PDB file of N, CA and C in Angstrom:
ATOM      1  N   PRO A   1      15.221 -26.246  13.791  1.00  0.00           N
ATOM      2  CA  PRO A   1      15.495 -28.271  13.667  1.00  0.00           C
ATOM      3  C   PRO A   1      14.274 -28.478  14.699  1.00  0.00           C
ATOM      4  N   CYS A   2      14.249 -27.611  15.932  1.00  0.00           N
ATOM      5  CA  CYS A   2      13.698 -28.662  17.173  1.00  0.00           C
ATOM      6  C   CYS A   2      12.128 -28.563  16.619  1.00  0.00           C
ATOM      7  N   LEU A   3      11.359 -27.268  15.532  1.00  0.00           N
ATOM      8  CA  LEU A   3      10.075 -27.675  14.815  1.00  0.00           C
ATOM      9  C   LEU A   3       9.754 -28.613  14.602  1.00  0.00           C
ATOM     10  N   SER A   4      10.840 -29.590  13.800  1.00  0.00           N
ATOM     11  CA  SER A   4      10.071 -30.816  13.075  1.00  0.00           C
ATOM     12  C   SER A   4       9.837 -31.751  14.413  1.00  0.00           C
ATOM     13  N   ALA A   5      10.650 -31.835  15.351  1.00  0.00           N
ATOM     14  CA  ALA A   5      10.050 -33.015  16.491  1.00  0.00           C
ATOM     15  C   ALA A   5       9.061 -32.694  17.252  1.00  0.00           C
ATOM     16  N   LEU A   6       8.719 -31.032  16.704  1.00  0.00           N
ATOM     17  CA  LEU A   6       7.639 -30.453  17.428  1.00  0.00           C
ATOM     18  C   LEU A   6       5.821 -31.556  17.306  1.00  0.00           C
ATOM     19  N   ASP A   7       5.576 -32.143  18.642  1.00  0.00           N
ATOM     20  CA  ASP A   7       4.339 -32.639  18.545  1.00  0.00           C
ATOM     21  C   ASP A   7       3.275 -31.593  18.426  1.00  0.00           C
ATOM     22  N   PRO A   8       2.078 -31.599  17.493  1.00  0.00           N
ATOM     23  CA  PRO A   8       1.712 -30.760  17.163  1.00  0.00           C
ATOM     24  C   PRO A   8      -0.027 -30.115  17.810  1.00  0.00           C
ATOM     25  N   ASN A   9       0.332 -31.313  19.398  1.00  0.00           N
ATOM     26  CA  ASN A   9      -0.306 -30.899  20.350  1.00  0.00           C
ATOM     27  C   ASN A   9       0.526 -29.915  21.650  1.00  0.00           C
ATOM     28  N   ALA A  10       2.028 -29.827  21.486  1.00  0.00           N
ATOM     29  CA  ALA A  10       2.634 -28.964  22.408  1.00  0.00           C
ATOM     30  C   ALA A  10       2.154 -28.056  23.614  1.00  0.00           C
ATOM     31  N   HIS A  11       2.666 -27.975  24.022  1.00  0.00           N
ATOM     32  CA  HIS A  11       2.506 -26.855  25.416  1.00  0.00           C
ATOM     33  C   HIS A  11       3.374 -26.111  25.019  1.00  0.00           C
ATOM     34  N   TRP A  12       2.963 -24.740  24.628  1.00  0.00           N
ATOM     35  CA  TRP A  12       4.067 -23.826  24.259  1.00  0.00           C
ATOM     36  C   TRP A  12       3.510 -22.850  25.006  1.00  0.00           C
ATOM     37  N   VAL A  13       4.638 -22.112  25.979  1.00  0.00           N
ATOM     38  CA  VAL A  13       4.540 -21.004  26.726  1.00  0.00           C
ATOM     39  C   VAL A  13       5.623 -20.180  25.997  1.00  0.00           C
ATOM     40  N   THR A  14       4.935 -18.522  26.069  1.00  0.00           N
ATOM     41  CA  THR A  14       5.464 -17.284  24.961  1.00  0.00           C
ATOM     42  C   THR A  14       5.336 -16.595  26.047  1.00  0.00           C
ATOM     43  N   ALA A  15       6.187 -15.967  26.553  1.00  0.00           N
ATOM     44  CA  ALA A  15       6.826 -14.965  27.654  1.00  0.00           C
ATOM     45  C   ALA A  15       7.961 -14.269  27.780  1.00  0.00           C
ATOM     46  N   GLY A  16       7.562 -12.929  28.078  1.00  0.00           N
ATOM     47  CA  GLY A  16       8.811 -11.746  28.223  1.00  0.00           C
ATOM     48  C   GLY A  16       8.799 -10.535  28.491  1.00  0.00           C
ATOM     49  N   PRO A  17       8.760  -9.387  28.761  1.00  0.00           N
ATOM     50  CA  PRO A  17       8.923  -8.216  29.402  1.00  0.00           C
ATOM     51  C   PRO A  17       6.953  -7.704  29.467  1.00  0.00           C
ATOM     52  N   PRO A  18       6.205  -7.172  30.102  1.00  0.00           N
ATOM     53  CA  PRO A  18       5.205  -6.977  29.701  1.00  0.00           C
ATOM     54  C   PRO A  18       4.683  -6.585  28.061  1.00  0.00           C
ATOM     55  N   PRO A  19       3.930  -7.075  27.664  1.00  0.00           N
ATOM     56  CA  PRO A  19       3.743  -6.311  25.895  1.00  0.00           C
ATOM     57  C   PRO A  19       2.483  -5.118  26.091  1.00  0.00           C
ATOM     58  N   ASN A  20       1.888  -4.544  27.295  1.00  0.00           N
ATOM     59  CA  ASN A  20       1.044  -3.989  27.105  1.00  0.00           C
ATOM     60  C   ASN A  20       0.277  -4.459  26.342  1.00  0.00           C
ATOM     61  N   GLY A  21      -0.207  -5.203  25.840  1.00  0.00           N
ATOM     62  CA  GLY A  21      -1.619  -5.793  25.783  1.00  0.00           C
ATOM     63  C   GLY A  21      -1.124  -6.279  24.184  1.00  0.00           C
ATOM     64  N   ALA A  22      -0.130  -5.250  23.333  1.00  0.00           N
ATOM     65  CA  ALA A  22       0.093  -5.411  21.945  1.00  0.00           C
ATOM     66  C   ALA A  22       0.843  -6.709  21.479  1.00  0.00           C
ATOM     67  N   TYR A  23       1.629  -7.434  22.279  1.00  0.00           N
ATOM     68  CA  TYR A  23       2.265  -9.143  21.821  1.00  0.00           C
ATOM     69  C   TYR A  23       1.126 -10.421  22.335  1.00  0.00           C
ATOM     70  N   PRO A  24       1.174 -11.133  21.796  1.00  0.00           N
ATOM     71  CA  PRO A  24       0.053 -11.930  22.368  1.00  0.00           C
ATOM     72  C   PRO A  24       0.813 -12.946  22.847  1.00  0.00           C
ATOM     73  N   LEU A  25       1.106 -12.783  24.165  1.00  0.00           N
ATOM     74  CA  LEU A  25       1.605 -14.022  25.135  1.00  0.00           C
ATOM     75  C   LEU A  25       0.885 -14.537  25.232  1.00  0.00           C
ATOM     76  N   GLY A  26       1.565 -16.281  25.841  1.00  0.00           N
ATOM     77  CA  GLY A  26       0.036 -17.353  26.529  1.00  0.00           C
ATOM     78  C   GLY A  26       1.247 -18.880  25.969  1.00  0.00           C
ATOM     79  N   ILE A  27       0.033 -19.600  26.523  1.00  0.00           N
ATOM     80  CA  ILE A  27       0.026 -20.842  25.753  1.00  0.00           C
ATOM     81  C   ILE A  27      -0.513 -21.209  24.799  1.00  0.00           C
ATOM     82  N   TYR A  28      -0.046 -21.916  23.633  1.00  0.00           N
ATOM     83  CA  TYR A  28      -0.308 -22.273  22.483  1.00  0.00           C
ATOM     84  C   TYR A  28      -0.202 -23.685  22.341  1.00  0.00           C
ATOM     85  N   ASN A  29      -0.916 -24.447  21.134  1.00  0.00           N
ATOM     86  CA  ASN A  29      -0.021 -25.577  20.415  1.00  0.00           C
ATOM     87  C   ASN A  29      -0.232 -24.951  18.912  1.00  0.00           C
ATOM     88  N   MET A  30       0.630 -25.697  18.564  1.00  0.00           N
ATOM     89  CA  MET A  30       1.239 -25.807  17.105  1.00  0.00           C
ATOM     90  C   MET A  30       0.482 -24.773  15.969  1.00  0.00           C
ATOM     91  N   SER A  31      -1.048 -24.880  15.975  1.00  0.00           N
ATOM     92  CA  SER A  31      -1.873 -24.602  15.002  1.00  0.00           C
ATOM     93  C   SER A  31      -2.312 -22.758  15.301  1.00  0.00           C
ATOM     94  N   PRO A  32      -2.778 -22.788  17.109  1.00  0.00           N
ATOM     95  CA  PRO A  32      -2.660 -21.096  17.247  1.00  0.00           C
ATOM     96  C   PRO A  32      -1.198 -20.518  17.115  1.00  0.00           C
ATOM     97  N   TRP A  33      -0.341 -21.107  17.817  1.00  0.00           N
ATOM     98  CA  TRP A  33       0.876 -20.541  17.406  1.00  0.00           C
ATOM     99  C   TRP A  33       1.567 -19.963  16.351  1.00  0.00           C
ATOM    100  N   LYS A  34       0.896 -20.708  15.151  1.00  0.00           N
ATOM    101  CA  LYS A  34       1.622 -20.029  13.879  1.00  0.00           C
ATOM    102  C   LYS A  34       0.693 -18.743  13.318  1.00  0.00           C
ATOM    103  N   ARG A  35      -0.752 -19.029  14.036  1.00  0.00           N
ATOM    104  CA  ARG A  35      -1.754 -18.045  13.455  1.00  0.00           C
ATOM    105  C   ARG A  35      -1.680 -16.774  14.160  1.00  0.00           C
ATOM    106  N   LYS A  36      -1.340 -16.822  15.734  1.00  0.00           N
ATOM    107  CA  LYS A  36      -1.080 -15.579  16.678  1.00  0.00           C
ATOM    108  C   LYS A  36       0.603 -14.835  16.621  1.00  0.00           C
ATOM    109  N   ILE A  37       1.043 -15.722  16.594  1.00  0.00           N
ATOM    110  CA  ILE A  37       3.140 -15.792  16.860  1.00  0.00           C
ATOM    111  C   ILE A  37       3.947 -15.795  15.197  1.00  0.00           C
ATOM    112  N   ARG A  38       4.032 -16.356  14.939  1.00  0.00           N
ATOM    113  CA  ARG A  38       4.094 -16.358  13.727  1.00  0.00           C
ATOM    114  C   ARG A  38       3.882 -15.620  12.178  1.00  0.00           C
ATOM    115  N   VAL A  39       2.838 -15.917  12.452  1.00  0.00           N
ATOM    116  CA  VAL A  39       2.472 -15.093  11.044  1.00  0.00           C
ATOM    117  C   VAL A  39       2.342 -13.823  11.390  1.00  0.00           C
ATOM    118  N   PRO A  40       1.966 -13.306  11.853  1.00  0.00           N
ATOM    119  CA  PRO A  40       2.294 -11.569  12.255  1.00  0.00           C
ATOM    120  C   PRO A  40       3.827 -10.978  12.113  1.00  0.00           C
ATOM    121  N   SER A  41       4.563 -12.155  12.913  1.00  0.00           N
ATOM    122  CA  SER A  41       6.185 -11.799  12.950  1.00  0.00           C
ATOM    123  C   SER A  41       6.803 -11.688  11.742  1.00  0.00           C
ATOM    124  N   VAL A  42       6.430 -12.908  10.663  1.00  0.00           N
ATOM    125  CA  VAL A  42       7.031 -12.989   8.755  1.00  0.00           C
ATOM    126  C   VAL A  42       6.568 -11.873   8.497  1.00  0.00           C
ATOM    127  N   LYS A  43       5.052 -11.588   8.724  1.00  0.00           N
ATOM    128  CA  LYS A  43       4.907 -10.238   7.802  1.00  0.00           C
ATOM    129  C   LYS A  43       5.254  -8.951   7.628  1.00  0.00           C
ATOM    130  N   ALA A  44       6.547  -8.800   9.147  1.00  0.00           N
ATOM    131  CA  ALA A  44       7.204  -7.375   9.361  1.00  0.00           C
ATOM    132  C   ALA A  44       8.644  -7.657   8.679  1.00  0.00           C
ATOM    133  N   LEU A  45       8.686  -8.680   8.148  1.00  0.00           N
ATOM    134  CA  LEU A  45       9.957  -8.909   8.137  1.00  0.00           C
ATOM    135  C   LEU A  45      10.412  -9.201   6.584  1.00  0.00           C
ATOM    136  N   ALA A  46      11.650  -9.026   6.029  1.00  0.00           N
ATOM    137  CA  ALA A  46      11.737  -8.768   4.648  1.00  0.00           C
ATOM    138  C   ALA A  46      11.948 -10.381   4.438  1.00  0.00           C
ATOM    139  N   ALA A  47      12.623 -10.943   5.046  1.00  0.00           N
ATOM    140  CA  ALA A  47      13.257 -12.406   4.797  1.00  0.00           C
ATOM    141  C   ALA A  47      12.989 -13.384   6.465  1.00  0.00           C
ATOM    142  N   PRO A  48      13.275 -14.246   6.229  1.00  0.00           N
ATOM    143  CA  PRO A  48      13.184 -15.424   7.447  1.00  0.00           C
ATOM    144  C   PRO A  48      14.206 -15.301   8.527  1.00  0.00           C
ATOM    145  N   ILE A  49      13.819 -15.353  10.213  1.00  0.00           N
ATOM    146  CA  ILE A  49      15.196 -15.054  11.120  1.00  0.00           C
ATOM    147  C   ILE A  49      16.402 -16.383  10.508  1.00  0.00           C
ATOM    148  N   ASN A  50      17.510 -15.756  11.237  1.00  0.00           N
ATOM    149  CA  ASN A  50      18.308 -16.499  10.463  1.00  0.00           C
ATOM    150  C   ASN A  50      18.860 -16.715  12.458  1.00  0.00           C
ATOM    151  N   MET A  51      18.394 -18.174  12.685  1.00  0.00           N
ATOM    152  CA  MET A  51      18.711 -18.381  14.067  1.00  0.00           C
ATOM    153  C   MET A  51      19.793 -19.621  14.107  1.00  0.00           C
ATOM    154  N   VAL A  52      20.578 -19.175  15.967  1.00  0.00           N
ATOM    155  CA  VAL A  52      22.062 -19.207  15.779  1.00  0.00           C
ATOM    156  C   VAL A  52      21.797 -19.995  17.254  1.00  0.00           C
ATOM    157  N   VAL A  53      22.079 -20.948  17.631  1.00  0.00           N
ATOM    158  CA  VAL A  53      22.195 -21.252  18.963  1.00  0.00           C
ATOM    159  C   VAL A  53      23.393 -20.897  19.379  1.00  0.00           C
ATOM    160  N   ASP A  54      23.820 -20.079  20.757  1.00  0.00           N
ATOM    161  CA  ASP A  54      24.293 -19.511  21.020  1.00  0.00           C
ATOM    162  C   ASP A  54      25.052 -20.264  22.220  1.00  0.00           C
ATOM    163  N   ALA A  55      23.733 -21.009  22.726  1.00  0.00           N
ATOM    164  CA  ALA A  55      24.076 -22.065  23.952  1.00  0.00           C
ATOM    165  C   ALA A  55      23.262 -23.377  24.465  1.00  0.00           C
ATOM    166  N   MET A  56      23.582 -24.390  24.799  1.00  0.00           N
ATOM    167  CA  MET A  56      22.969 -25.027  24.871  1.00  0.00           C
ATOM    168  C   MET A  56      23.248 -26.493  25.658  1.00  0.00           C
ATOM    169  N   ASP A  57      22.338 -26.850  27.118  1.00  0.00           N
ATOM    170  CA  ASP A  57      22.797 -27.536  28.295  1.00  0.00           C
ATOM    171  C   ASP A  57      21.272 -28.884  28.254  1.00  0.00           C
ATOM    172  N   ILE A  58      22.199 -30.106  27.641  1.00  0.00           N
ATOM    173  CA  ILE A  58      20.830 -31.413  27.583  1.00  0.00           C
ATOM    174  C   ILE A  58      21.002 -31.803  28.399  1.00  0.00           C
ATOM    175  N   ILE A  59      19.342 -32.200  29.697  1.00  0.00           N
ATOM    176  CA  ILE A  59      19.791 -33.249  30.589  1.00  0.00           C
ATOM    177  C   ILE A  59      18.645 -34.316  30.584  1.00  0.00           C
ATOM    178  N   GLY A  60      18.939 -35.578  30.184  1.00  0.00           N
ATOM    179  CA  GLY A  60      17.753 -36.561  30.068  1.00  0.00           C
ATOM    180  C   GLY A  60      17.087 -36.011  28.486  1.00  0.00           C
ATOM    181  N   LEU A  61      15.663 -35.740  28.821  1.00  0.00           N
ATOM    182  CA  LEU A  61      15.067 -35.261  27.681  1.00  0.00           C
ATOM    183  C   LEU A  61      14.880 -33.724  27.662  1.00  0.00           C
ATOM    184  N   LYS A  62      15.532 -33.155  28.497  1.00  0.00           N
ATOM    185  CA  LYS A  62      15.091 -31.599  28.836  1.00  0.00           C
ATOM    186  C   LYS A  62      16.420 -30.939  28.284  1.00  0.00           C
ATOM    187  N   ALA A  63      16.022 -30.009  27.607  1.00  0.00           N
ATOM    188  CA  ALA A  63      17.164 -29.036  27.101  1.00  0.00           C
ATOM    189  C   ALA A  63      16.850 -27.600  26.934  1.00  0.00           C
ATOM    190  N   ILE A  64      17.441 -26.610  27.319  1.00  0.00           N
ATOM    191  CA  ILE A  64      18.134 -25.293  27.674  1.00  0.00           C
ATOM    192  C   ILE A  64      18.625 -24.881  26.621  1.00  0.00           C
ATOM    193  N   VAL A  65      18.102 -23.806  25.711  1.00  0.00           N
ATOM    194  CA  VAL A  65      18.788 -23.616  24.988  1.00  0.00           C
ATOM    195  C   VAL A  65      18.317 -21.757  24.611  1.00  0.00           C
ATOM    196  N   GLU A  66      19.867 -21.305  24.619  1.00  0.00           N
ATOM    197  CA  GLU A  66      19.719 -19.515  23.962  1.00  0.00           C
ATOM    198  C   GLU A  66      20.002 -19.396  22.192  1.00  0.00           C
ATOM    199  N   TYR A  67      19.566 -18.876  21.964  1.00  0.00           N
ATOM    200  CA  TYR A  67      19.599 -18.464  20.336  1.00  0.00           C
ATOM    201  C   TYR A  67      19.581 -16.836  20.152  1.00  0.00           C
ATOM    202  N   SER A  68      20.083 -16.821  19.079  1.00  0.00           N
ATOM    203  CA  SER A  68      20.146 -14.983  18.463  1.00  0.00           C
ATOM    204  C   SER A  68      19.607 -15.356  17.050  1.00  0.00           C
ATOM    205  N   GLY A  69      18.857 -14.480  17.038  1.00  0.00           N
ATOM    206  CA  GLY A  69      17.773 -14.073  15.648  1.00  0.00           C
ATOM    207  C   GLY A  69      18.407 -12.933  15.115  1.00  0.00           C
ATOM    208  N   TYR A  70      18.473 -13.087  13.740  1.00  0.00           N
ATOM    209  CA  TYR A  70      18.628 -11.696  12.761  1.00  0.00           C
ATOM    210  C   TYR A  70      18.122 -12.090  11.513  1.00  0.00           C
ATOM    211  N   ALA A  71      17.549 -10.547  11.492  1.00  0.00           N
ATOM    212  CA  ALA A  71      16.889 -10.542  10.148  1.00  0.00           C
ATOM    213  C   ALA A  71      16.785  -9.173  10.074  1.00  0.00           C
ATOM    214  N   THR A  72      16.248  -8.624   9.168  1.00  0.00           N
ATOM    215  CA  THR A  72      15.680  -7.418   8.419  1.00  0.00           C
ATOM    216  C   THR A  72      14.205  -6.906   8.137  1.00  0.00           C
ATOM    217  N   GLN A  73      13.991  -6.215   9.100  1.00  0.00           N
ATOM    218  CA  GLN A  73      13.013  -5.493   8.837  1.00  0.00           C
ATOM    219  C   GLN A  73      12.652  -5.600   7.391  1.00  0.00           C
ATOM    220  N   LYS A  74      10.952  -4.801   7.254  1.00  0.00           N
ATOM    221  CA  LYS A  74      10.412  -4.696   6.658  1.00  0.00           C
ATOM    222  C   LYS A  74      10.777  -3.170   5.654  1.00  0.00           C
ATOM    223  N   SER A  75      11.251  -2.139   6.680  1.00  0.00           N
ATOM    224  CA  SER A  75      11.178  -1.004   7.322  1.00  0.00           C
ATOM    225  C   SER A  75      13.443  -1.280   6.741  1.00  0.00           C
ATOM    226  N   GLY A  76      13.694  -1.966   6.503  1.00  0.00           N
ATOM    227  CA  GLY A  76      15.042  -1.825   6.585  1.00  0.00           C
ATOM    228  C   GLY A  76      15.903  -2.283   7.206  1.00  0.00           C
ATOM    229  N   LYS A  77      15.221  -1.548   8.663  1.00  0.00           N
ATOM    230  CA  LYS A  77      16.262  -1.797  10.146  1.00  0.00           C
ATOM    231  C   LYS A  77      16.795  -3.056  10.069  1.00  0.00           C
ATOM    232  N   PRO A  78      17.642  -3.036  11.281  1.00  0.00           N
ATOM    233  CA  PRO A  78      17.831  -4.738  11.961  1.00  0.00           C
ATOM    234  C   PRO A  78      16.850  -5.381  12.823  1.00  0.00           C
ATOM    235  N   TYR A  79      16.878  -6.923  12.596  1.00  0.00           N
ATOM    236  CA  TYR A  79      15.836  -6.725  13.859  1.00  0.00           C
ATOM    237  C   TYR A  79      16.760  -8.148  13.918  1.00  0.00           C
ATOM    238  N   ASN A  80      17.503  -7.866  15.430  1.00  0.00           N
ATOM    239  CA  ASN A  80      18.455  -8.917  16.154  1.00  0.00           C
ATOM    240  C   ASN A  80      17.152  -9.192  17.568  1.00  0.00           C
ATOM    241  N   ASN A  81      17.235 -10.419  18.144  1.00  0.00           N
ATOM    242  CA  ASN A  81      16.633 -10.517  19.047  1.00  0.00           C
ATOM    243  C   ASN A  81      17.151 -11.572  20.127  1.00  0.00           C
ATOM    244  N   LYS A  82      17.152 -12.190  21.241  1.00  0.00           N
ATOM    245  CA  LYS A  82      17.622 -13.296  21.750  1.00  0.00           C
ATOM    246  C   LYS A  82      16.340 -14.316  22.661  1.00  0.00           C
ATOM    247  N   TRP A  83      16.938 -15.162  22.153  1.00  0.00           N
ATOM    248  CA  TRP A  83      15.582 -16.206  23.056  1.00  0.00           C
ATOM    249  C   TRP A  83      16.122 -16.933  24.101  1.00  0.00           C
ATOM    250  N   ILE A  84      15.604 -17.720  24.894  1.00  0.00           N
ATOM    251  CA  ILE A  84      15.585 -18.653  25.608  1.00  0.00           C
ATOM    252  C   ILE A  84      15.338 -19.243  25.705  1.00  0.00           C
ATOM    253  N   CYS A  85      14.749 -20.883  25.607  1.00  0.00           N
ATOM    254  CA  CYS A  85      14.176 -21.880  25.384  1.00  0.00           C
ATOM    255  C   CYS A  85      14.044 -23.023  26.427  1.00  0.00           C
ATOM    256  N   GLN A  86      13.550 -23.303  27.260  1.00  0.00           N
ATOM    257  CA  GLN A  86      13.424 -24.872  27.942  1.00  0.00           C
ATOM    258  C   GLN A  86      12.539 -25.385  27.384  1.00  0.00           C
ATOM    259  N   LEU A  87      13.330 -26.767  26.317  1.00  0.00           N
ATOM    260  CA  LEU A  87      12.449 -27.939  25.522  1.00  0.00           C
ATOM    261  C   LEU A  87      12.640 -28.688  26.418  1.00  0.00           C
ATOM    262  N   ILE A  88      11.171 -29.614  26.469  1.00  0.00           N
ATOM    263  CA  ILE A  88      10.886 -30.796  26.748  1.00  0.00           C
ATOM    264  C   ILE A  88      10.573 -32.029  25.749  1.00  0.00           C
ATOM    265  N   TYR A  89      11.400 -33.379  26.077  1.00  0.00           N
ATOM    266  CA  TYR A  89      10.833 -34.101  24.977  1.00  0.00           C
ATOM    267  C   TYR A  89      10.176 -35.357  25.543  1.00  0.00           C
ATOM    268  N   ARG A  90       9.531 -35.868  24.483  1.00  0.00           N
ATOM    269  CA  ARG A  90       9.352 -37.636  25.574  1.00  0.00           C
ATOM    270  C   ARG A  90       9.446 -38.146  24.247  1.00  0.00           C
ATOM    271  N   SER A  91       9.767 -39.337  24.862  1.00  0.00           N
ATOM    272  CA  SER A  91      10.730 -40.815  24.117  1.00  0.00           C
ATOM    273  C   SER A  91       9.475 -41.284  23.316  1.00  0.00           C
ATOM    274  N   GLU A  92       9.548 -41.224  21.708  1.00  0.00           N
ATOM    275  CA  GLU A  92       8.859 -42.023  21.314  1.00  0.00           C
ATOM    276  C   GLU A  92       9.445 -43.413  20.675  1.00  0.00           C
ATOM    277  N   ALA A  93       9.257 -44.455  20.621  1.00  0.00           N
ATOM    278  CA  ALA A  93      10.036 -45.295  20.124  1.00  0.00           C
ATOM    279  C   ALA A  93      11.475 -44.885  19.614  1.00  0.00           C
ATOM    280  N   GLU A  94      12.301 -44.297  18.374  1.00  0.00           N
ATOM    281  CA  GLU A  94      13.027 -44.253  17.888  1.00  0.00           C
ATOM    282  C   GLU A  94      14.023 -42.494  17.883  1.00  0.00           C
ATOM    283  N   ARG A  95      12.785 -42.166  18.181  1.00  0.00           N
ATOM    284  CA  ARG A  95      12.803 -40.517  18.390  1.00  0.00           C
ATOM    285  C   ARG A  95      12.386 -39.836  19.275  1.00  0.00           C
ATOM    286  N   ALA A  96      12.695 -38.856  19.398  1.00  0.00           N
ATOM    287  CA  ALA A  96      11.856 -38.050  20.609  1.00  0.00           C
ATOM    288  C   ALA A  96      10.814 -37.109  19.915  1.00  0.00           C
ATOM    289  N   LYS A  97       9.975 -36.956  20.783  1.00  0.00           N
ATOM    290  CA  LYS A  97       9.258 -35.495  20.010  1.00  0.00           C
ATOM    291  C   LYS A  97       9.327 -34.552  21.326  1.00  0.00           C
ATOM    292  N   LEU A  98       9.025 -33.417  20.644  1.00  0.00           N
ATOM    293  CA  LEU A  98       9.034 -32.197  21.557  1.00  0.00           C
ATOM    294  C   LEU A  98       7.398 -31.831  21.704  1.00  0.00           C
ATOM    295  N   ILE A  99       7.815 -31.466  23.160  1.00  0.00           N
ATOM    296  CA  ILE A  99       5.626 -31.806  23.709  1.00  0.00           C
ATOM    297  C   ILE A  99       5.899 -30.762  24.375  1.00  0.00           C
ATOM    298  N   ASN A 100       7.024 -30.016  25.458  1.00  0.00           N
ATOM    299  CA  ASN A 100       6.626 -28.586  25.749  1.00  0.00           C
ATOM    300  C   ASN A 100       7.660 -27.859  25.545  1.00  0.00           C
ATOM    301  N   ILE A 101       7.646 -26.293  25.252  1.00  0.00           N
ATOM    302  CA  ILE A 101       8.094 -25.267  25.483  1.00  0.00           C
ATOM    303  C   ILE A 101       7.980 -24.182  26.155  1.00  0.00           C
ATOM    304  N   ARG A 102       9.248 -23.768  26.787  1.00  0.00           N
ATOM    305  CA  ARG A 102       8.903 -22.237  27.565  1.00  0.00           C
ATOM    306  C   ARG A 102      10.052 -21.151  26.793  1.00  0.00           C
ATOM    307  N   GLU A 103       9.379 -20.411  26.283  1.00  0.00           N
ATOM    308  CA  GLU A 103      10.125 -19.322  25.451  1.00  0.00           C
ATOM    309  C   GLU A 103      10.055 -18.068  26.116  1.00  0.00           C
ATOM    310  N   TYR A 104      11.842 -17.591  26.216  1.00  0.00           N
ATOM    311  CA  TYR A 104      11.365 -16.198  26.558  1.00  0.00           C
ATOM    312  C   TYR A 104      12.207 -15.371  25.613  1.00  0.00           C
ATOM    313  N   ILE A 105      11.718 -14.238  25.635  1.00  0.00           N
ATOM    314  CA  ILE A 105      11.433 -13.000  24.396  1.00  0.00           C
ATOM    315  C   ILE A 105      11.897 -11.789  24.534  1.00  0.00           C
ATOM    316  N   ASN A 106      12.514 -11.436  23.665  1.00  0.00           N
ATOM    317  CA  ASN A 106      12.012  -9.483  24.237  1.00  0.00           C
ATOM    318  C   ASN A 106      10.915  -9.014  23.604  1.00  0.00           C
ATOM    319  N   THR A 107       9.773  -9.280  23.818  1.00  0.00           N
ATOM    320  CA  THR A 107       8.876  -8.900  23.295  1.00  0.00           C
ATOM    321  C   THR A 107       8.767  -7.372  23.030  1.00  0.00           C
ATOM    322  N   ALA A 108       9.780  -6.665  23.609  1.00  0.00           N
ATOM    323  CA  ALA A 108       9.114  -5.298  23.839  1.00  0.00           C
ATOM    324  C   ALA A 108       9.981  -4.510  22.695  1.00  0.00           C
ATOM    325  N   LEU A 109      10.751  -5.877  21.699  1.00  0.00           N
ATOM    326  CA  LEU A 109      11.624  -5.432  20.863  1.00  0.00           C
ATOM    327  C   LEU A 109      10.504  -5.774  19.412  1.00  0.00           C
ATOM    328  N   VAL A 110      10.104  -6.910  20.152  1.00  0.00           N
ATOM    329  CA  VAL A 110       8.926  -7.862  18.488  1.00  0.00           C
ATOM    330  C   VAL A 110       7.783  -6.864  18.763  1.00  0.00           C
ATOM    331  N   ARG A 111       7.288  -6.249  19.444  1.00  0.00           N
ATOM    332  CA  ARG A 111       6.029  -5.011  19.750  1.00  0.00           C
ATOM    333  C   ARG A 111       7.012  -3.783  18.786  1.00  0.00           C
ATOM    334  N   GLU A 112       8.095  -3.564  18.885  1.00  0.00           N
ATOM    335  CA  GLU A 112       7.895  -2.111  18.358  1.00  0.00           C
ATOM    336  C   GLU A 112       8.245  -2.722  16.670  1.00  0.00           C
ATOM    337  N   VAL A 113       9.196  -3.859  16.509  1.00  0.00           N
ATOM    338  CA  VAL A 113       9.029  -4.159  15.170  1.00  0.00           C
ATOM    339  C   VAL A 113       7.707  -3.888  14.213  1.00  0.00           C
ATOM    340  N   ALA A 114       6.945  -4.465  14.886  1.00  0.00           N
ATOM    341  CA  ALA A 114       5.632  -5.075  14.061  1.00  0.00           C
ATOM    342  C   ALA A 114       4.420  -3.601  14.112  1.00  0.00           C
ATOM    343  N   GLU A 115       5.015  -2.864  14.904  1.00  0.00           N
ATOM    344  CA  GLU A 115       4.123  -1.633  14.923  1.00  0.00           C
ATOM    345  C   GLU A 115       4.675  -0.629  14.326  1.00  0.00           C
ATOM    346  N   GLY A 116       6.182  -1.038  13.550  1.00  0.00           N
ATOM    347  CA  GLY A 116       7.140  -0.147  13.176  1.00  0.00           C
ATOM    348  C   GLY A 116       7.206  -0.729  11.682  1.00  0.00           C
ATOM    349  N   ASN A 117       6.528  -1.982  11.576  1.00  0.00           N
ATOM    350  CA  ASN A 117       6.260  -2.720  10.127  1.00  0.00           C
ATOM    351  C   ASN A 117       5.037  -2.438   9.546  1.00  0.00           C
ATOM    352  N   ARG A 118       3.708  -1.896  10.075  1.00  0.00           N
ATOM    353  CA  ARG A 118       2.318  -2.368   9.613  1.00  0.00           C
ATOM    354  C   ARG A 118       2.090  -1.540   8.127  1.00  0.00           C
ATOM    355  N   GLU A 119       1.530  -2.650   7.136  1.00  0.00           N
ATOM    356  CA  GLU A 119       1.474  -1.931   6.080  1.00  0.00           C
ATOM    357  C   GLU A 119      -0.133  -1.010   6.173  1.00  0.00           C
TER     358      GLU A 119
END
């Protein structure tokens, strides 16, 4: 749901445990994020991740959200991960625009899934 409010030039920081170079931590806007993060992740999974909001705190135009994600890998193994995101919005007319994301994820698990589901 937050992606529909995402400004295409949003500042998106992806971080987590040290990835040993296999997971592209960094700062993105929407286009490079899709190419470097989303596309490789989708290739390793049999279906999209079912994202569930576990907790959320909203303070003005900032939200702190804890997500759980559940999917099945192409190998048949489950993929269950957690995200913590800090989302910062800018008010634009009648609608808020998502302009900054700080995403923390278990990148060691993401790397393991990517390596275990190579074509």
